[in-house]
Amino acid sequence: MHPVHGQRATALAVSVHIGAWYLVTRRKGLTWPALDWMAATLFALAAFRNAAPGTPPIGSLLDYLAFLWAEAVIACCLTTVVITGFKAERDPSAAPAQ
């Protein structure tokens, strides 16, 4: 496993987590550019994984140390942002004053 690929996948997951935290805590509603970015990152990680040197087989150490964790974090963040944004859109009176 090349350590740089694991670090990059982790960095992408952390950046998505920070973006999700910002959207959820500030009740921004359904912010489409952010949702697009999170979904694109979720699906781009599979291509990123296949670009690893030697294309390691599914279930390799790279998967367990970085890829599967990053996918899980991004999927949970995306789901949380969608649910929270949907609730904020349905109940605009609960949004904080600007």
C-alpha atoms as a PDB file:
ATOM      1  CA  MET A   1       0.000   0.000   0.000  1.00  0.00           C
ATOM      2  CA  HIS A   2       1.259   3.431  -0.856  1.00  0.00           C
ATOM      3  CA  PRO A   3       0.815   5.646   2.257  1.00  0.00           C
ATOM      4  CA  VAL A   4       0.076   8.781   0.228  1.00  0.00           C
ATOM      5  CA  HIS A   5      -3.170   7.316  -1.161  1.00  0.00           C
ATOM      6  CA  GLY A   6      -4.450   6.551   2.339  1.00  0.00           C
ATOM      7  CA  GLN A   7      -3.619  10.082   3.459  1.00  0.00           C
ATOM      8  CA  ARG A   8      -5.424  11.598   0.483  1.00  0.00           C
ATOM      9  CA  ALA A   9      -8.554   9.521   1.033  1.00  0.00           C
ATOM     10  CA  THR A  10      -8.526  10.476   4.699  1.00  0.00           C
ATOM     11  CA  ALA A  11      -8.047  14.154   3.828  1.00  0.00           C
ATOM     12  CA  LEU A  12     -11.040  14.043   1.474  1.00  0.00           C
ATOM     13  CA  ALA A  13     -13.186  12.405   4.163  1.00  0.00           C
ATOM     14  CA  VAL A  14     -12.123  15.005   6.729  1.00  0.00           C
ATOM     15  CA  SER A  15     -12.902  17.875   4.347  1.00  0.00           C
ATOM     16  CA  VAL A  16     -16.379  16.467   3.656  1.00  0.00           C
ATOM     17  CA  HIS A  17     -16.927  16.019   7.396  1.00  0.00           C
ATOM     18  CA  ILE A  18     -16.010  19.663   8.054  1.00  0.00           C
ATOM     19  CA  GLY A  19     -18.354  20.826   5.288  1.00  0.00           C
ATOM     20  CA  ALA A  20     -21.168  18.671   6.657  1.00  0.00           C
ATOM     21  CA  TRP A  21     -20.574  19.969  10.174  1.00  0.00           C
ATOM     22  CA  TYR A  22     -20.812  23.547   8.903  1.00  0.00           C
ATOM     23  CA  LEU A  23     -24.074  22.922   7.046  1.00  0.00           C
ATOM     24  CA  VAL A  24     -25.703  20.954   9.865  1.00  0.00           C
ATOM     25  CA  THR A  25     -24.782  23.326  12.712  1.00  0.00           C
ATOM     26  CA  ARG A  26     -25.864  26.420  10.810  1.00  0.00           C
ATOM     27  CA  ARG A  27     -29.063  24.849   9.444  1.00  0.00           C
ATOM     28  CA  LYS A  28     -28.416  26.107   5.924  1.00  0.00           C
ATOM     29  CA  GLY A  29     -31.102  23.927   4.364  1.00  0.00           C
ATOM     30  CA  LEU A  30     -30.490  21.992   1.174  1.00  0.00           C
ATOM     31  CA  THR A  31     -27.376  23.656  -0.200  1.00  0.00           C
ATOM     32  CA  TRP A  32     -27.096  22.038  -3.621  1.00  0.00           C
ATOM     33  CA  PRO A  33     -23.470  22.916  -4.478  1.00  0.00           C
ATOM     34  CA  ALA A  34     -22.310  21.368  -1.211  1.00  0.00           C
ATOM     35  CA  LEU A  35     -24.445  18.276  -1.767  1.00  0.00           C
ATOM     36  CA  ASP A  36     -23.051  17.961  -5.305  1.00  0.00           C
ATOM     37  CA  TRP A  37     -19.498  18.194  -3.980  1.00  0.00           C
ATOM     38  CA  MET A  38     -20.110  15.547  -1.307  1.00  0.00           C
ATOM     39  CA  ALA A  39     -21.779  13.155  -3.749  1.00  0.00           C
ATOM     40  CA  ALA A  40     -19.032  13.662  -6.320  1.00  0.00           C
ATOM     41  CA  THR A  41     -16.394  12.937  -3.679  1.00  0.00           C
ATOM     42  CA  LEU A  42     -18.251   9.797  -2.641  1.00  0.00           C
ATOM     43  CA  PHE A  43     -18.231   8.401  -6.165  1.00  0.00           C
ATOM     44  CA  ALA A  44     -14.787   9.743  -7.109  1.00  0.00           C
ATOM     45  CA  LEU A  45     -13.107   7.782  -4.328  1.00  0.00           C
ATOM     46  CA  ALA A  46     -13.714   4.523  -6.196  1.00  0.00           C
ATOM     47  CA  ALA A  47     -11.772   5.845  -9.191  1.00  0.00           C
ATOM     48  CA  PHE A  48      -9.168   7.250  -6.833  1.00  0.00           C
ATOM     49  CA  ARG A  49      -8.750   3.821  -5.243  1.00  0.00           C
ATOM     50  CA  ASN A  50      -8.275   2.187  -8.624  1.00  0.00           C
ATOM     51  CA  ALA A  51      -5.490   4.673  -9.388  1.00  0.00           C
ATOM     52  CA  ALA A  52      -3.344   3.257  -6.555  1.00  0.00           C
ATOM     53  CA  PRO A  53       0.004   1.841  -7.691  1.00  0.00           C
ATOM     54  CA  GLY A  54      -0.407  -1.716  -8.913  1.00  0.00           C
ATOM     55  CA  THR A  55      -4.208  -1.537  -8.524  1.00  0.00           C
ATOM     56  CA  PRO A  56      -4.481  -3.561  -5.315  1.00  0.00           C
ATOM     57  CA  PRO A  57      -7.242  -6.180  -5.142  1.00  0.00           C
ATOM     58  CA  ILE A  58     -10.510  -5.507  -3.329  1.00  0.00           C
ATOM     59  CA  GLY A  59     -10.056  -6.191   0.377  1.00  0.00           C
ATOM     60  CA  SER A  60      -6.418  -5.134   0.520  1.00  0.00           C
ATOM     61  CA  LEU A  61      -4.856  -3.269   3.408  1.00  0.00           C
ATOM     62  CA  LEU A  62      -5.483   0.009   1.551  1.00  0.00           C
ATOM     63  CA  ASP A  63      -9.212  -0.661   1.672  1.00  0.00           C
ATOM     64  CA  TYR A  64      -9.329  -1.358   5.384  1.00  0.00           C
ATOM     65  CA  LEU A  65      -7.050   1.482   6.466  1.00  0.00           C
ATOM     66  CA  ALA A  66      -8.367   4.288   4.304  1.00  0.00           C
ATOM     67  CA  PHE A  67     -10.845   3.636   1.504  1.00  0.00           C
ATOM     68  CA  LEU A  68     -13.728   1.939   3.324  1.00  0.00           C
ATOM     69  CA  TRP A  69     -13.494   4.355   6.254  1.00  0.00           C
ATOM     70  CA  ALA A  70     -13.451   7.365   3.950  1.00  0.00           C
ATOM     71  CA  GLU A  71     -16.450   6.031   2.002  1.00  0.00           C
ATOM     72  CA  ALA A  72     -18.381   5.405   5.226  1.00  0.00           C
ATOM     73  CA  VAL A  73     -17.620   8.860   6.647  1.00  0.00           C
ATOM     74  CA  ILE A  74     -18.600  10.619   3.411  1.00  0.00           C
ATOM     75  CA  ALA A  75     -21.807   8.570   3.026  1.00  0.00           C
ATOM     76  CA  CYS A  76     -22.846   9.303   6.637  1.00  0.00           C
ATOM     77  CA  CYS A  77     -22.072  13.009   6.240  1.00  0.00           C
ATOM     78  CA  LEU A  78     -24.035  13.232   3.003  1.00  0.00           C
ATOM     79  CA  THR A  79     -27.021  11.442   4.524  1.00  0.00           C
ATOM     80  CA  THR A  80     -26.941  13.657   7.621  1.00  0.00           C
ATOM     81  CA  VAL A  81     -26.752  16.853   5.562  1.00  0.00           C
ATOM     82  CA  VAL A  82     -29.664  15.780   3.357  1.00  0.00           C
ATOM     83  CA  ILE A  83     -31.883  14.847   6.328  1.00  0.00           C
ATOM     84  CA  THR A  84     -31.012  17.992   8.295  1.00  0.00           C
ATOM     85  CA  GLY A  85     -31.381  20.193   5.213  1.00  0.00           C
ATOM     86  CA  PHE A  86     -34.747  18.665   4.389  1.00  0.00           C
ATOM     87  CA  LYS A  87     -35.975  19.337   7.938  1.00  0.00           C
ATOM     88  CA  ALA A  88     -34.705  22.932   7.769  1.00  0.00           C
ATOM     89  CA  GLU A  89     -36.439  23.474   4.418  1.00  0.00           C
ATOM     90  CA  ARG A  90     -39.732  22.123   5.727  1.00  0.00           C
ATOM     91  CA  ASP A  91     -39.648  24.269   8.886  1.00  0.00           C
ATOM     92  CA  PRO A  92     -38.152  27.656   7.994  1.00  0.00           C
ATOM     93  CA  SER A  93     -39.296  29.163  11.315  1.00  0.00           C
ATOM     94  CA  ALA A  94     -36.730  27.017  13.146  1.00  0.00           C
ATOM     95  CA  ALA A  95     -33.833  28.529  11.175  1.00  0.00           C
ATOM     96  CA  PRO A  96     -31.591  30.900  13.146  1.00  0.00           C
ATOM     97  CA  ALA A  97     -31.950  34.627  12.502  1.00  0.00           C
ATOM     98  CA  GLN A  98     -29.420  36.069  10.064  1.00  0.00           C
END
